[in-house]
Protein backbone atom coordinates (compact mmCIF):
# COMPACT_ATOMS: atom_id res chain seq x y z
CA MET A 1 1.77 7.38 -23.98
CA ALA A 2 3.71 7.53 -20.58
CA ALA A 3 4.38 3.76 -19.06
CA LEU A 4 6.13 3.07 -15.35
CA SER A 5 8.60 1.10 -17.45
CA LYS A 6 11.37 -0.33 -16.00
CA THR A 7 14.33 -0.46 -18.70
CA SER A 8 17.07 -2.57 -17.70
CA SER A 9 18.67 -5.25 -14.44
CA THR A 10 19.86 -2.89 -13.03
CA PRO A 11 18.56 -2.20 -9.33
CA GLY A 12 16.42 0.89 -8.91
CA ASP A 13 15.86 1.20 -13.12
CA VAL A 14 13.06 1.86 -13.21
CA GLN A 15 11.31 5.11 -15.17
CA VAL A 16 8.15 7.29 -16.65
CA ARG A 17 9.27 6.88 -20.05
CA PRO A 18 7.56 7.42 -24.06
CA ARG A 19 5.81 4.27 -24.86
CA PRO A 20 3.88 3.25 -27.85
CA VAL A 21 -0.13 2.37 -27.26
CA PRO A 22 -0.43 -1.04 -27.39
CA HIS A 23 -2.13 -2.40 -30.65
CA PRO A 24 -4.92 -5.37 -29.72
CA GLY A 25 -4.37 -8.20 -30.92
CA ASN A 26 -6.45 -10.96 -31.70
CA GLY A 27 -8.73 -11.68 -28.40
CA GLU A 28 -7.49 -9.32 -26.86
CA LEU A 29 -7.95 -5.55 -25.42
CA LEU A 30 -7.61 -2.32 -25.16
CA VAL A 31 -8.34 -0.37 -22.40
CA GLN A 32 -7.92 3.25 -21.30
CA THR A 33 -5.98 2.86 -17.36
CA LEU A 34 -7.97 4.66 -15.31
CA ALA A 35 -6.06 3.33 -11.53
CA CYS A 36 -3.67 1.13 -10.91
CA GLY A 37 -1.90 1.00 -7.52
CA LEU A 38 1.94 -0.12 -6.60
CA CYS A 39 2.12 -3.53 -5.36
CA GLY A 40 5.47 -5.33 -3.77
CA SER A 41 5.70 -6.83 -6.48
CA ASP A 42 6.73 -4.12 -8.32
CA VAL A 43 9.02 -2.84 -5.70
CA HIS A 44 10.95 -5.85 -6.59
CA ALA A 45 11.12 -5.48 -9.65
CA TRP A 46 12.60 -2.76 -9.22
CA ARG A 47 14.35 -3.27 -6.36
CA GLN A 48 16.05 -7.06 -7.94
CA ASP A 49 15.30 -8.34 -5.43
CA THR A 50 16.28 -12.27 -5.73
CA GLY A 51 13.22 -14.21 -7.10
CA TYR A 52 13.01 -12.21 -9.83
CA GLU A 53 15.88 -11.97 -11.46
CA TRP A 54 14.04 -13.43 -13.96
CA VAL A 55 11.35 -10.35 -14.86
CA LYS A 56 12.86 -9.58 -18.66
CA ALA A 57 13.69 -5.71 -19.11
CA PRO A 58 12.10 -3.38 -21.02
CA VAL A 59 9.11 -4.14 -18.90
CA THR A 60 5.51 -1.21 -17.88
CA LEU A 61 5.37 -2.51 -14.14
CA GLY A 62 1.69 -2.21 -12.57
CA HIS A 63 -1.28 -4.96 -12.46
CA GLU A 64 -3.76 -3.47 -9.86
CA ALA A 65 -5.28 -1.46 -12.45
CA VAL A 66 -8.40 -0.50 -13.92
CA GLY A 67 -9.66 0.19 -17.27
CA ARG A 68 -12.43 1.57 -19.74
CA VAL A 69 -12.49 -0.96 -23.11
CA VAL A 70 -11.35 1.63 -25.48
CA ALA A 71 -10.59 -1.32 -28.47
CA CYS A 72 -11.15 -4.91 -29.32
CA GLY A 73 -9.00 -6.91 -31.29
CA PRO A 74 -9.99 -9.51 -33.80
CA SER A 75 -12.23 -11.92 -32.89
CA VAL A 76 -13.48 -9.66 -30.00
CA SER A 77 -17.31 -8.67 -29.79
CA GLU A 78 -17.13 -4.86 -29.97
CA GLU A 79 -19.76 -4.58 -26.88
CA TRP A 80 -16.46 -5.09 -24.79
CA ILE A 81 -15.39 -0.90 -25.59
CA GLY A 82 -17.12 0.92 -23.13
CA ARG A 83 -16.81 -2.00 -20.77
CA LEU A 84 -15.23 -1.11 -17.24
CA VAL A 85 -13.05 -4.11 -16.46
CA VAL A 86 -10.26 -4.71 -13.86
CA PRO A 87 -7.47 -6.94 -15.09
CA ILE A 88 -6.33 -10.43 -14.21
CA ALA A 89 -3.10 -10.52 -13.01
CA ILE A 90 -1.96 -13.61 -12.70
CA ASP A 91 -3.41 -16.67 -15.22
CA GLY A 92 -2.26 -19.64 -16.43
CA CYS A 93 -2.40 -21.57 -20.43
CA GLY A 94 -5.86 -22.81 -19.50
CA ASP A 95 -5.20 -26.59 -20.17
CA CYS A 96 -3.78 -27.56 -18.04
CA THR A 97 -5.08 -30.26 -14.72
CA LEU A 98 -4.29 -27.74 -12.52
CA CYS A 99 -6.04 -24.77 -14.56
CA THR A 100 -8.83 -26.47 -15.20
CA GLY A 101 -8.58 -28.21 -11.56
CA GLY A 102 -9.61 -23.91 -11.29
CA ASP A 103 -6.47 -23.21 -9.99
CA ARG A 104 -4.78 -20.96 -12.60
CA GLN A 105 -2.94 -19.34 -10.68
CA LEU A 106 -0.80 -21.74 -9.93
CA CYS A 107 -0.28 -23.03 -13.66
CA ARG A 108 3.47 -24.61 -14.39
CA SER A 109 3.54 -21.74 -16.64
CA ARG A 110 1.93 -19.02 -15.86
CA SER A 111 1.89 -15.18 -16.96
CA VAL A 112 1.96 -11.54 -14.99
CA LEU A 113 0.74 -8.91 -15.55
CA GLY A 114 3.11 -6.00 -15.61
CA LEU A 115 6.42 -8.37 -15.00
CA SER A 116 5.29 -10.85 -17.48
CA PHE A 117 4.43 -8.52 -20.10
CA ASP A 118 3.81 -5.05 -20.31
CA GLY A 119 1.34 -4.03 -17.41
CA CYS A 120 -1.07 -1.38 -16.78
CA ALA A 121 0.71 1.63 -15.08
CA SER A 122 0.62 3.48 -18.09
CA GLU A 123 -1.52 5.24 -20.03
CA TYR A 124 -3.51 2.34 -22.12
CA PHE A 125 -2.63 -1.08 -21.65
CA SER A 126 -4.02 -4.53 -23.62
CA ILE A 127 -4.83 -7.97 -22.03
CA PRO A 128 -6.52 -10.93 -23.29
CA VAL A 129 -10.36 -10.50 -23.19
CA HIS A 130 -10.29 -13.93 -20.69
CA ARG A 131 -8.13 -12.11 -18.28
CA ALA A 132 -10.23 -8.63 -18.13
CA ILE A 133 -13.05 -9.19 -15.24
CA PRO A 134 -16.02 -6.48 -16.24
CA THR A 135 -17.74 -5.12 -14.01
CA ASP A 136 -20.60 -1.80 -14.04
CA SER A 137 -19.01 -0.20 -10.64
CA THR A 138 -19.23 3.47 -10.00
CA LEU A 139 -16.99 3.07 -6.85
CA PRO A 140 -13.62 5.81 -7.88
CA ALA A 141 -11.19 4.39 -10.08
CA ALA A 142 -8.71 4.56 -6.36
CA THR A 143 -11.22 2.31 -4.69
CA LEU A 144 -12.11 0.34 -7.42
CA ALA A 145 -7.67 -0.05 -7.47
CA LEU A 146 -7.74 -2.56 -4.95
CA THR A 147 -9.22 -5.02 -6.46
CA GLU A 148 -7.09 -6.73 -6.70
CA PRO A 149 -5.26 -7.59 -3.67
CA LEU A 150 -8.74 -7.63 -2.33
CA SER A 151 -8.90 -10.74 -3.78
CA VAL A 152 -5.67 -11.97 -2.54
CA ALA A 153 -6.51 -10.81 0.57
CA PHE A 154 -9.55 -12.95 -0.21
CA HIS A 155 -7.87 -15.85 -1.54
CA ALA A 156 -5.42 -16.23 1.55
CA VAL A 157 -7.84 -15.48 4.06
CA LYS A 158 -10.27 -18.55 2.75
CA ARG A 159 -7.38 -21.00 3.25
CA LEU A 160 -7.14 -20.03 6.91
CA GLU A 161 -10.16 -19.98 7.31
CA ALA A 162 -10.66 -23.41 6.56
CA ALA A 163 -8.47 -24.66 9.04
CA VAL A 164 -9.37 -22.34 11.64
CA ASP A 165 -12.37 -22.04 13.62
CA THR A 166 -13.28 -18.57 15.05
CA CYS A 167 -13.22 -19.69 18.48
CA PHE A 168 -9.42 -19.07 18.08
CA THR A 169 -7.83 -15.45 17.84
CA ILE A 170 -5.76 -14.98 14.41
CA VAL A 171 -2.17 -12.72 14.41
CA VAL A 172 -1.97 -11.06 11.52
CA SER A 173 1.86 -9.84 10.71
CA GLY A 174 2.52 -7.77 8.26
CA PRO A 175 -0.05 -4.91 7.97
CA GLY A 176 0.95 -3.64 4.56
CA PRO A 177 -2.17 -3.32 2.19
CA ILE A 178 -2.64 -7.49 1.78
CA GLY A 179 -2.35 -8.17 5.79
CA LEU A 180 -4.67 -5.15 6.78
CA MET A 181 -7.00 -6.30 4.15
CA GLY A 182 -7.33 -9.46 5.93
CA ALA A 183 -7.56 -8.49 9.18
CA LEU A 184 -10.68 -6.89 8.04
CA LEU A 185 -11.91 -10.01 6.16
CA LEU A 186 -10.51 -11.80 9.18
CA SER A 187 -12.51 -9.51 11.81
CA ASP A 188 -16.02 -9.68 9.43
CA HIS A 189 -16.49 -13.07 9.79
CA GLY A 190 -16.38 -13.88 13.22
CA TYR A 191 -12.75 -13.87 14.09
CA ARG A 192 -10.48 -11.65 17.11
CA VAL A 193 -7.76 -10.47 15.24
CA LEU A 194 -4.90 -8.84 15.95
CA LEU A 195 -3.15 -7.68 13.66
CA MET A 196 1.04 -7.45 14.24
CA GLY A 197 3.23 -4.65 13.01
CA ALA A 198 6.91 -2.78 13.73
CA PRO A 199 8.34 0.22 15.34
CA ARG A 200 8.56 2.03 12.01
CA ASP A 201 4.39 1.70 10.94
CA GLU A 202 3.16 3.24 14.16
CA ASP A 203 4.12 6.12 12.24
CA GLN A 204 0.91 5.67 9.35
CA ARG A 205 -0.64 1.93 9.25
CA LEU A 206 -1.60 0.92 12.68
CA PRO A 207 -3.15 4.24 13.28
CA LEU A 208 -5.28 3.48 10.92
CA ALA A 209 -5.41 0.09 11.49
CA ARG A 210 -6.81 1.51 15.30
CA SER A 211 -9.33 3.76 13.13
CA LEU A 212 -10.85 0.33 11.14
CA GLY A 213 -11.57 -0.80 14.02
CA LEU A 214 -8.56 -3.89 15.18
CA ASP A 215 -6.80 -4.53 17.92
CA THR A 216 -2.63 -4.20 17.03
CA VAL A 217 0.27 -5.04 18.72
CA LEU A 218 4.14 -4.84 18.36
CA ALA A 219 6.50 -6.89 17.10
CA GLY A 220 7.52 -9.08 20.29
CA GLU A 221 4.69 -8.67 21.98
CA THR A 222 3.07 -10.79 24.39
CA LEU A 223 0.79 -12.70 22.61
CA PRO A 224 -2.20 -14.29 24.01
CA ALA A 225 -2.31 -18.02 24.60
CA ASP A 226 -5.24 -18.70 22.19
CA VAL A 227 -3.15 -18.14 18.87
CA GLY A 228 -4.79 -20.59 16.66
CA GLY A 229 -4.24 -19.10 13.19
CA TRP A 230 -1.40 -16.93 11.66
CA LEU A 231 -1.24 -14.68 8.16
CA GLU A 232 1.86 -14.15 6.99
CA ALA A 233 1.94 -11.22 5.23
CA SER A 234 5.30 -9.10 5.98
CA GLY A 235 7.49 -11.84 3.69
CA ALA A 236 9.59 -10.54 7.68
CA PRO A 237 11.46 -14.15 8.78
CA PRO A 238 11.28 -13.07 12.01
CA ALA A 239 7.49 -13.22 11.96
CA LEU A 240 7.44 -16.78 10.43
CA GLU A 241 9.64 -18.12 13.30
CA THR A 242 7.10 -16.14 16.34
CA ALA A 243 4.62 -17.49 14.03
CA ILE A 244 5.75 -21.23 14.72
CA SER A 245 6.24 -21.22 18.26
CA THR A 246 3.06 -19.30 18.51
CA VAL A 247 0.43 -21.02 17.26
CA ARG A 248 -1.18 -23.63 19.61
CA PRO A 249 -0.95 -27.33 18.68
CA SER A 250 -3.00 -28.49 15.44
CA GLY A 251 -3.15 -24.93 14.24
CA ALA A 252 -2.27 -23.47 10.68
CA ILE A 253 -0.47 -20.18 9.29
CA VAL A 254 -1.20 -18.74 6.08
CA VAL A 255 1.65 -17.68 4.51
CA ALA A 256 0.94 -14.77 1.98
CA GLY A 257 3.77 -12.96 1.36
CA LEU A 258 6.49 -13.30 0.21
CA PHE A 259 10.39 -13.12 1.60
CA PRO A 260 13.37 -11.45 0.03
CA ALA A 261 15.59 -13.98 1.61
CA VAL A 262 14.51 -18.12 2.64
CA PRO A 263 13.76 -18.44 6.12
CA ALA A 264 14.67 -20.34 8.63
CA VAL A 265 11.09 -23.10 9.27
CA ASP A 266 11.56 -25.73 12.51
CA VAL A 267 10.26 -28.33 11.01
CA ASN A 268 10.19 -30.20 14.18
CA ILE A 269 8.10 -27.19 16.01
CA LEU A 270 5.69 -27.80 13.43
CA ALA A 271 5.00 -32.17 13.34
CA ARG A 272 5.17 -32.12 17.64
CA ASN A 273 2.25 -30.09 17.12
CA GLU A 274 0.05 -31.05 14.50
CA ILE A 275 0.56 -27.43 12.70
CA ARG A 276 -0.17 -26.18 9.34
CA LEU A 277 1.74 -24.55 6.74
CA LEU A 278 0.97 -23.68 3.69
CA GLY A 279 0.54 -21.47 0.81
CA SER A 280 -1.43 -18.86 -0.33
CA TYR A 281 -0.24 -17.23 -4.50
CA GLY A 282 -2.05 -14.95 -6.21
CA SER A 283 -6.45 -15.69 -6.08
CA VAL A 284 -8.95 -16.02 -9.70
CA ALA A 285 -11.27 -15.27 -11.69
CA HIS A 286 -13.99 -15.84 -8.47
CA ASP A 287 -12.03 -14.27 -6.15
CA TYR A 288 -12.11 -10.43 -8.33
CA ARG A 289 -15.52 -10.92 -7.45
CA ALA A 290 -15.96 -11.89 -4.40
CA ALA A 291 -13.20 -8.39 -3.93
CA LEU A 292 -15.64 -6.45 -5.97
CA SER A 293 -18.58 -7.42 -3.95
CA VAL A 294 -16.08 -6.79 -1.00
CA LEU A 295 -15.47 -2.77 -2.05
CA GLU A 296 -19.15 -2.21 -2.79
CA SER A 297 -19.85 -3.11 1.11
CA ALA A 298 -18.39 -0.77 2.80
CA PRO A 299 -16.39 2.07 0.57
CA GLU A 300 -15.46 4.57 2.41
CA ARG A 301 -13.29 2.24 4.87
CA TRP A 302 -11.34 0.94 1.37
CA LYS A 303 -10.49 4.69 0.51
CA SER A 304 -8.63 5.33 3.17
CA LEU A 305 -6.82 3.06 2.44
CA VAL A 306 -5.49 4.29 -1.03
CA THR A 307 -3.14 6.95 -1.28
CA THR A 308 -3.34 9.19 -5.02
CA VAL A 309 -0.03 10.37 -7.05
CA PRO A 310 -0.07 11.10 -10.46
CA LEU A 311 1.52 8.87 -13.19
CA SER A 312 4.04 11.07 -13.97
CA ASP A 313 5.76 11.18 -10.62
CA GLY A 314 5.56 6.80 -10.74
CA THR A 315 9.42 6.61 -9.17
CA ARG A 316 8.68 8.90 -6.62
CA ALA A 317 5.38 6.58 -5.90
CA LEU A 318 7.98 3.08 -5.79
CA ARG A 319 10.22 4.81 -3.43
CA THR A 320 6.99 5.75 -1.15
CA ALA A 321 5.14 1.82 -1.18
CA ALA A 322 9.08 0.50 -1.17
CA GLU A 323 9.69 2.27 2.51
CA ALA A 324 5.61 2.12 3.79
CA GLY A 325 4.87 5.79 3.27
CA ALA A 326 1.32 5.08 2.52
CA VAL A 327 -0.64 1.48 2.75
CA LYS A 328 -1.59 1.36 -1.48
CA VAL A 329 -0.03 3.49 -3.36
CA VAL A 330 -2.41 5.11 -6.26
CA LEU A 331 -1.56 5.89 -9.64
CA ILE A 332 -3.14 8.01 -11.66
CA PRO A 333 -2.42 8.99 -15.58
């Protein structure tokens, strides 16, 4: 089968190459991939960015997938065969206090599909059955591939909404998939939202956001005085610095973007203004189910975020994703 694989630790050493069809082990499913989105983490692994040195090559990339179960390993009911499933990207050991408390994505022994072990940017992939979210959706596969990133945005939005009332404006920095999805969710939930981007985002991402009903602003432009919350989804240190200097006292900042370099944080501003700085990482099973429900509620809106590319052009697709040439690149085997 064809697979988009990181073949060594050399930056840029990713190619579409033949790999054996995986054999489902005990408690596993073999899934035929219908669509697989490319994430920022795939780009980071491709470039061998700081913080991704732990990724062990060779490994097949990809975790934002949907597929159909075609075979089951030992101890798995054959009732799974034929089911449409979305894989859980980040999962833990299942036994520690974090896992049993519902935060499996924070487990100290967590694994990441497509980085810790072979992922879904291939014609077939195998996953443990407990990492499969079944769905009866009839939406196009490319739209269903948005489930995982939408679940990540949903998880981050939940954390921000718990800290900020709807009477305040929220700024979302970074009009990539997580930022754009987060802005749409916040707007749906009654917040006034400003989606912030860089000048290059005026080529595609910010016009798309406006066509979906969002207000946008460029980095460096004047922001309103009532900014009570901020969702940082760009991974750009200047955006976090602006968030800290802009959010009103007792406001909150949720950081969902990962940074290629450690940003400077003025903790004195945080302390003197009692601004809450919160992290948000990944998502858990109920976030996936919520994301599937959201996709079903407005499929055409979410479909507009997708650009499909054949799996055979996977390396070109990575470059497109890295250069922000599309909101969400989805590979189709």
